């Protein structure tokens, strides 16, 4: 499961402050979980320019995810939110996740900046990834991803959100 976000979606100083608050003297699993939840909540509020709320921009990202499906990975679920993307995929053999994300983010950033007539960083450099442990975790991850627009108040039913795998099911 991978989450990547727009460059202005979460200021670095906010993230650094949360890390200091939660981790104190050392990293713990509960602090990591709390940090991840804070980030998810913050992202769902749609801070920053939220370029992906525009239909053309969200379509660009979704089309790019789907284009590489079957070529570099198997795409199991995804959602394009106003300022971030969640995806669940299985890379094919010989396709490192870092390479997949570099290609995807590089291409979409170039296209987005051209469309928006802007320059500069489009995506945040980092991304968050989580290994799926078993079938139960897989089901929870799909549910989380597909219901993210509902949780964020963008629609009532996940199938109504046009930029996610729920609308394809």
C-alpha atoms as a PDB file:
ATOM      1  CA  UNK A   1       0.000   0.000   0.000  1.00  0.00           C
ATOM      2  CA  UNK A   2       1.489   3.309  -1.088  1.00  0.00           C
ATOM      3  CA  UNK A   3       0.574   6.905  -0.331  1.00  0.00           C
ATOM      4  CA  UNK A   4       2.159   9.836  -2.072  1.00  0.00           C
ATOM      5  CA  UNK A   5       1.154  13.461  -1.868  1.00  0.00           C
ATOM      6  CA  UNK A   6       1.462  16.863  -3.455  1.00  0.00           C
ATOM      7  CA  UNK A   7       4.469  18.928  -2.439  1.00  0.00           C
ATOM      8  CA  UNK A   8       2.419  21.515  -0.557  1.00  0.00           C
ATOM      9  CA  UNK A   9      -0.058  19.144   1.113  1.00  0.00           C
ATOM     10  CA  UNK A  10       1.754  18.822   4.437  1.00  0.00           C
ATOM     11  CA  UNK A  11       4.320  21.433   5.483  1.00  0.00           C
ATOM     12  CA  UNK A  12       7.600  19.884   6.602  1.00  0.00           C
ATOM     13  CA  UNK A  13       7.587  21.913   9.812  1.00  0.00           C
ATOM     14  CA  UNK A  14       4.210  20.431  10.796  1.00  0.00           C
ATOM     15  CA  UNK A  15       5.514  16.920  10.143  1.00  0.00           C
ATOM     16  CA  UNK A  16       8.742  17.564  12.057  1.00  0.00           C
ATOM     17  CA  UNK A  17       6.800  18.950  15.024  1.00  0.00           C
ATOM     18  CA  UNK A  18       4.534  15.872  15.129  1.00  0.00           C
ATOM     19  CA  UNK A  19       7.543  13.575  15.006  1.00  0.00           C
ATOM     20  CA  UNK A  20       9.126  15.396  17.939  1.00  0.00           C
ATOM     21  CA  UNK A  21       5.889  15.277  19.938  1.00  0.00           C
ATOM     22  CA  UNK A  22       5.163  11.622  19.294  1.00  0.00           C
ATOM     23  CA  UNK A  23       8.582  10.048  19.267  1.00  0.00           C
ATOM     24  CA  UNK A  24      10.218  11.967  22.096  1.00  0.00           C
ATOM     25  CA  UNK A  25      13.297   9.979  23.036  1.00  0.00           C
ATOM     26  CA  UNK A  26      12.748   7.055  20.702  1.00  0.00           C
ATOM     27  CA  UNK A  27      10.569   5.623  17.985  1.00  0.00           C
ATOM     28  CA  UNK A  28       7.842   3.207  18.997  1.00  0.00           C
ATOM     29  CA  UNK A  29       5.221   1.337  17.047  1.00  0.00           C
ATOM     30  CA  UNK A  30       2.400   3.270  18.758  1.00  0.00           C
ATOM     31  CA  UNK A  31       4.096   6.603  17.957  1.00  0.00           C
ATOM     32  CA  UNK A  32       4.469   5.551  14.314  1.00  0.00           C
ATOM     33  CA  UNK A  33       0.794   4.585  14.186  1.00  0.00           C
ATOM     34  CA  UNK A  34      -0.260   7.885  15.779  1.00  0.00           C
ATOM     35  CA  UNK A  35       1.903   9.824  13.310  1.00  0.00           C
ATOM     36  CA  UNK A  36       0.424   7.960  10.348  1.00  0.00           C
ATOM     37  CA  UNK A  37      -3.113   8.704  11.598  1.00  0.00           C
ATOM     38  CA  UNK A  38      -2.319  12.405  12.029  1.00  0.00           C
ATOM     39  CA  UNK A  39      -0.922  12.546   8.506  1.00  0.00           C
ATOM     40  CA  UNK A  40      -3.960  10.769   7.039  1.00  0.00           C
ATOM     41  CA  UNK A  41      -6.368  13.107   8.844  1.00  0.00           C
ATOM     42  CA  UNK A  42      -4.411  16.174   7.774  1.00  0.00           C
ATOM     43  CA  UNK A  43      -4.276  15.057   4.139  1.00  0.00           C
ATOM     44  CA  UNK A  44      -8.011  14.362   4.080  1.00  0.00           C
ATOM     45  CA  UNK A  45      -8.625  18.016   4.969  1.00  0.00           C
ATOM     46  CA  UNK A  46      -7.290  18.906   1.519  1.00  0.00           C
ATOM     47  CA  UNK A  47      -4.666  21.506   2.453  1.00  0.00           C
ATOM     48  CA  UNK A  48      -2.449  23.108  -0.130  1.00  0.00           C
ATOM     49  CA  UNK A  49      -3.452  23.913  -3.683  1.00  0.00           C
ATOM     50  CA  UNK A  50      -5.082  20.472  -3.958  1.00  0.00           C
ATOM     51  CA  UNK A  51      -4.533  20.377  -7.716  1.00  0.00           C
ATOM     52  CA  UNK A  52      -5.955  16.866  -7.909  1.00  0.00           C
ATOM     53  CA  UNK A  53      -9.469  18.099  -7.106  1.00  0.00           C
ATOM     54  CA  UNK A  54      -9.596  19.269 -10.721  1.00  0.00           C
ATOM     55  CA  UNK A  55     -11.065  16.611 -13.013  1.00  0.00           C
ATOM     56  CA  UNK A  56      -8.309  16.897 -15.637  1.00  0.00           C
ATOM     57  CA  UNK A  57      -5.565  16.504 -13.046  1.00  0.00           C
ATOM     58  CA  UNK A  58      -7.177  13.550 -11.273  1.00  0.00           C
ATOM     59  CA  UNK A  59      -7.749  11.876 -14.640  1.00  0.00           C
ATOM     60  CA  UNK A  60      -4.081  12.346 -15.535  1.00  0.00           C
ATOM     61  CA  UNK A  61      -3.001  10.531 -12.370  1.00  0.00           C
ATOM     62  CA  UNK A  62      -5.615   7.785 -12.653  1.00  0.00           C
ATOM     63  CA  UNK A  63      -4.843   7.173 -16.344  1.00  0.00           C
ATOM     64  CA  UNK A  64      -1.128   6.964 -15.520  1.00  0.00           C
ATOM     65  CA  UNK A  65      -1.727   4.429 -12.741  1.00  0.00           C
ATOM     66  CA  UNK A  66      -3.872   2.348 -15.075  1.00  0.00           C
ATOM     67  CA  UNK A  67      -1.394   2.616 -17.947  1.00  0.00           C
ATOM     68  CA  UNK A  68       1.347   0.907 -15.942  1.00  0.00           C
ATOM     69  CA  UNK A  69      -1.030  -1.755 -14.594  1.00  0.00           C
ATOM     70  CA  UNK A  70      -0.127  -5.051 -16.205  1.00  0.00           C
ATOM     71  CA  UNK A  71       3.181  -3.665 -17.445  1.00  0.00           C
ATOM     72  CA  UNK A  72       5.122  -2.944 -14.244  1.00  0.00           C
ATOM     73  CA  UNK A  73       2.688  -4.015 -11.519  1.00  0.00           C
ATOM     74  CA  UNK A  74      -0.718  -5.417 -10.730  1.00  0.00           C
ATOM     75  CA  UNK A  75      -2.943  -2.592  -9.474  1.00  0.00           C
ATOM     76  CA  UNK A  76      -5.421  -3.832  -6.864  1.00  0.00           C
ATOM     77  CA  UNK A  77      -6.966  -0.587  -5.587  1.00  0.00           C
ATOM     78  CA  UNK A  78      -6.447   3.166  -5.815  1.00  0.00           C
ATOM     79  CA  UNK A  79      -7.983   6.527  -5.088  1.00  0.00           C
ATOM     80  CA  UNK A  80      -7.007  10.001  -6.234  1.00  0.00           C
ATOM     81  CA  UNK A  81      -7.770  12.505  -3.491  1.00  0.00           C
ATOM     82  CA  UNK A  82      -7.480  16.317  -3.863  1.00  0.00           C
ATOM     83  CA  UNK A  83      -3.904  16.401  -2.525  1.00  0.00           C
ATOM     84  CA  UNK A  84      -2.729  12.784  -2.307  1.00  0.00           C
ATOM     85  CA  UNK A  85      -2.969   9.328  -3.857  1.00  0.00           C
ATOM     86  CA  UNK A  86      -3.411   5.916  -2.274  1.00  0.00           C
ATOM     87  CA  UNK A  87      -2.616   2.814  -4.279  1.00  0.00           C
ATOM     88  CA  UNK A  88      -2.341  -0.866  -3.593  1.00  0.00           C
ATOM     89  CA  UNK A  89      -0.184  -2.724  -6.044  1.00  0.00           C
ATOM     90  CA  UNK A  90       2.046  -5.728  -6.472  1.00  0.00           C
ATOM     91  CA  UNK A  91       5.237  -4.915  -8.404  1.00  0.00           C
ATOM     92  CA  UNK A  92       6.252  -7.427 -11.025  1.00  0.00           C
ATOM     93  CA  UNK A  93       9.559  -9.216 -10.658  1.00  0.00           C
ATOM     94  CA  UNK A  94      12.466  -6.923 -11.470  1.00  0.00           C
ATOM     95  CA  UNK A  95      10.373  -3.777 -10.934  1.00  0.00           C
ATOM     96  CA  UNK A  96      11.555  -2.006  -7.773  1.00  0.00           C
ATOM     97  CA  UNK A  97       8.891   0.067  -6.056  1.00  0.00           C
ATOM     98  CA  UNK A  98      11.185   3.097  -5.981  1.00  0.00           C
ATOM     99  CA  UNK A  99      11.613   2.891  -9.767  1.00  0.00           C
ATOM    100  CA  UNK A 100       7.870   2.533 -10.349  1.00  0.00           C
ATOM    101  CA  UNK A 101       7.103   5.559  -8.214  1.00  0.00           C
ATOM    102  CA  UNK A 102       9.901   7.609  -9.730  1.00  0.00           C
ATOM    103  CA  UNK A 103       8.529   6.954 -13.235  1.00  0.00           C
ATOM    104  CA  UNK A 104       4.940   7.621 -12.245  1.00  0.00           C
ATOM    105  CA  UNK A 105       5.661  10.768 -10.255  1.00  0.00           C
ATOM    106  CA  UNK A 106       8.146  12.156 -12.790  1.00  0.00           C
ATOM    107  CA  UNK A 107       5.798  11.728 -15.753  1.00  0.00           C
ATOM    108  CA  UNK A 108       2.720  13.051 -13.971  1.00  0.00           C
ATOM    109  CA  UNK A 109       4.629  16.010 -12.483  1.00  0.00           C
ATOM    110  CA  UNK A 110       5.882  17.050 -15.926  1.00  0.00           C
ATOM    111  CA  UNK A 111       2.423  16.744 -17.444  1.00  0.00           C
ATOM    112  CA  UNK A 112       0.712  18.497 -14.528  1.00  0.00           C
ATOM    113  CA  UNK A 113       3.160  21.388 -14.486  1.00  0.00           C
ATOM    114  CA  UNK A 114       2.752  21.818 -18.234  1.00  0.00           C
ATOM    115  CA  UNK A 115      -1.055  21.835 -17.923  1.00  0.00           C
ATOM    116  CA  UNK A 116      -1.012  24.206 -14.941  1.00  0.00           C
ATOM    117  CA  UNK A 117       1.625  26.439 -16.583  1.00  0.00           C
ATOM    118  CA  UNK A 118       3.775  26.255 -13.510  1.00  0.00           C
ATOM    119  CA  UNK A 119       7.255  25.143 -12.538  1.00  0.00           C
ATOM    120  CA  UNK A 120       8.702  23.534  -9.488  1.00  0.00           C
ATOM    121  CA  UNK A 121       8.112  20.511  -7.368  1.00  0.00           C
ATOM    122  CA  UNK A 122       4.699  18.945  -7.866  1.00  0.00           C
ATOM    123  CA  UNK A 123       4.963  15.844  -5.644  1.00  0.00           C
ATOM    124  CA  UNK A 124       6.500  15.518  -2.216  1.00  0.00           C
ATOM    125  CA  UNK A 125       9.761  13.654  -2.677  1.00  0.00           C
ATOM    126  CA  UNK A 126       8.958  10.866  -0.241  1.00  0.00           C
ATOM    127  CA  UNK A 127       6.134   8.353  -0.121  1.00  0.00           C
ATOM    128  CA  UNK A 128       4.734   6.037   2.503  1.00  0.00           C
ATOM    129  CA  UNK A 129       4.507   2.335   1.866  1.00  0.00           C
ATOM    130  CA  UNK A 130       3.217  -0.540   3.926  1.00  0.00           C
ATOM    131  CA  UNK A 131       3.679  -4.220   3.292  1.00  0.00           C
ATOM    132  CA  UNK A 132       0.410  -6.186   3.250  1.00  0.00           C
ATOM    133  CA  UNK A 133       0.750  -9.095   5.657  1.00  0.00           C
ATOM    134  CA  UNK A 134      -2.217 -11.340   4.885  1.00  0.00           C
ATOM    135  CA  UNK A 135      -5.668 -11.549   3.277  1.00  0.00           C
ATOM    136  CA  UNK A 136      -7.378  -9.788   6.181  1.00  0.00           C
ATOM    137  CA  UNK A 137      -4.909  -6.894   5.973  1.00  0.00           C
ATOM    138  CA  UNK A 138      -5.423  -6.795   2.186  1.00  0.00           C
ATOM    139  CA  UNK A 139      -9.194  -6.493   2.590  1.00  0.00           C
ATOM    140  CA  UNK A 140      -8.785  -3.711   5.176  1.00  0.00           C
ATOM    141  CA  UNK A 141      -6.360  -1.827   2.929  1.00  0.00           C
ATOM    142  CA  UNK A 142      -8.747  -1.978  -0.046  1.00  0.00           C
ATOM    143  CA  UNK A 143     -11.629  -0.812   2.127  1.00  0.00           C
ATOM    144  CA  UNK A 144      -9.553   2.047   3.533  1.00  0.00           C
ATOM    145  CA  UNK A 145      -8.390   3.185   0.098  1.00  0.00           C
ATOM    146  CA  UNK A 146     -11.756   2.991  -1.609  1.00  0.00           C
ATOM    147  CA  UNK A 147     -13.642   4.642   1.260  1.00  0.00           C
ATOM    148  CA  UNK A 148     -11.191   7.514   1.715  1.00  0.00           C
ATOM    149  CA  UNK A 149     -13.370   9.971  -0.289  1.00  0.00           C
ATOM    150  CA  UNK A 150     -16.374   9.072   1.881  1.00  0.00           C
ATOM    151  CA  UNK A 151     -14.361   9.550   5.085  1.00  0.00           C
ATOM    152  CA  UNK A 152     -13.121  12.918   3.795  1.00  0.00           C
ATOM    153  CA  UNK A 153     -16.687  14.031   3.013  1.00  0.00           C
ATOM    154  CA  UNK A 154     -16.196  14.173  -0.759  1.00  0.00           C
ATOM    155  CA  UNK A 155     -19.028  11.753  -1.575  1.00  0.00           C
ATOM    156  CA  UNK A 156     -21.598   9.553   0.152  1.00  0.00           C
ATOM    157  CA  UNK A 157     -20.716   6.268  -1.508  1.00  0.00           C
ATOM    158  CA  UNK A 158     -17.239   5.185  -2.617  1.00  0.00           C
ATOM    159  CA  UNK A 159     -18.636   4.075  -5.982  1.00  0.00           C
ATOM    160  CA  UNK A 160     -19.646   7.688  -6.675  1.00  0.00           C
ATOM    161  CA  UNK A 161     -16.047   8.919  -6.554  1.00  0.00           C
ATOM    162  CA  UNK A 162     -14.836   8.830 -10.187  1.00  0.00           C
ATOM    163  CA  UNK A 163     -11.139   8.660  -9.360  1.00  0.00           C
ATOM    164  CA  UNK A 164     -10.852   5.374  -7.560  1.00  0.00           C
ATOM    165  CA  UNK A 165     -11.114   1.650  -7.990  1.00  0.00           C
ATOM    166  CA  UNK A 166     -14.507   1.485  -6.230  1.00  0.00           C
ATOM    167  CA  UNK A 167     -16.141   3.179  -9.223  1.00  0.00           C
ATOM    168  CA  UNK A 168     -14.670   0.459 -11.479  1.00  0.00           C
ATOM    169  CA  UNK A 169     -16.065  -2.455  -9.470  1.00  0.00           C
END
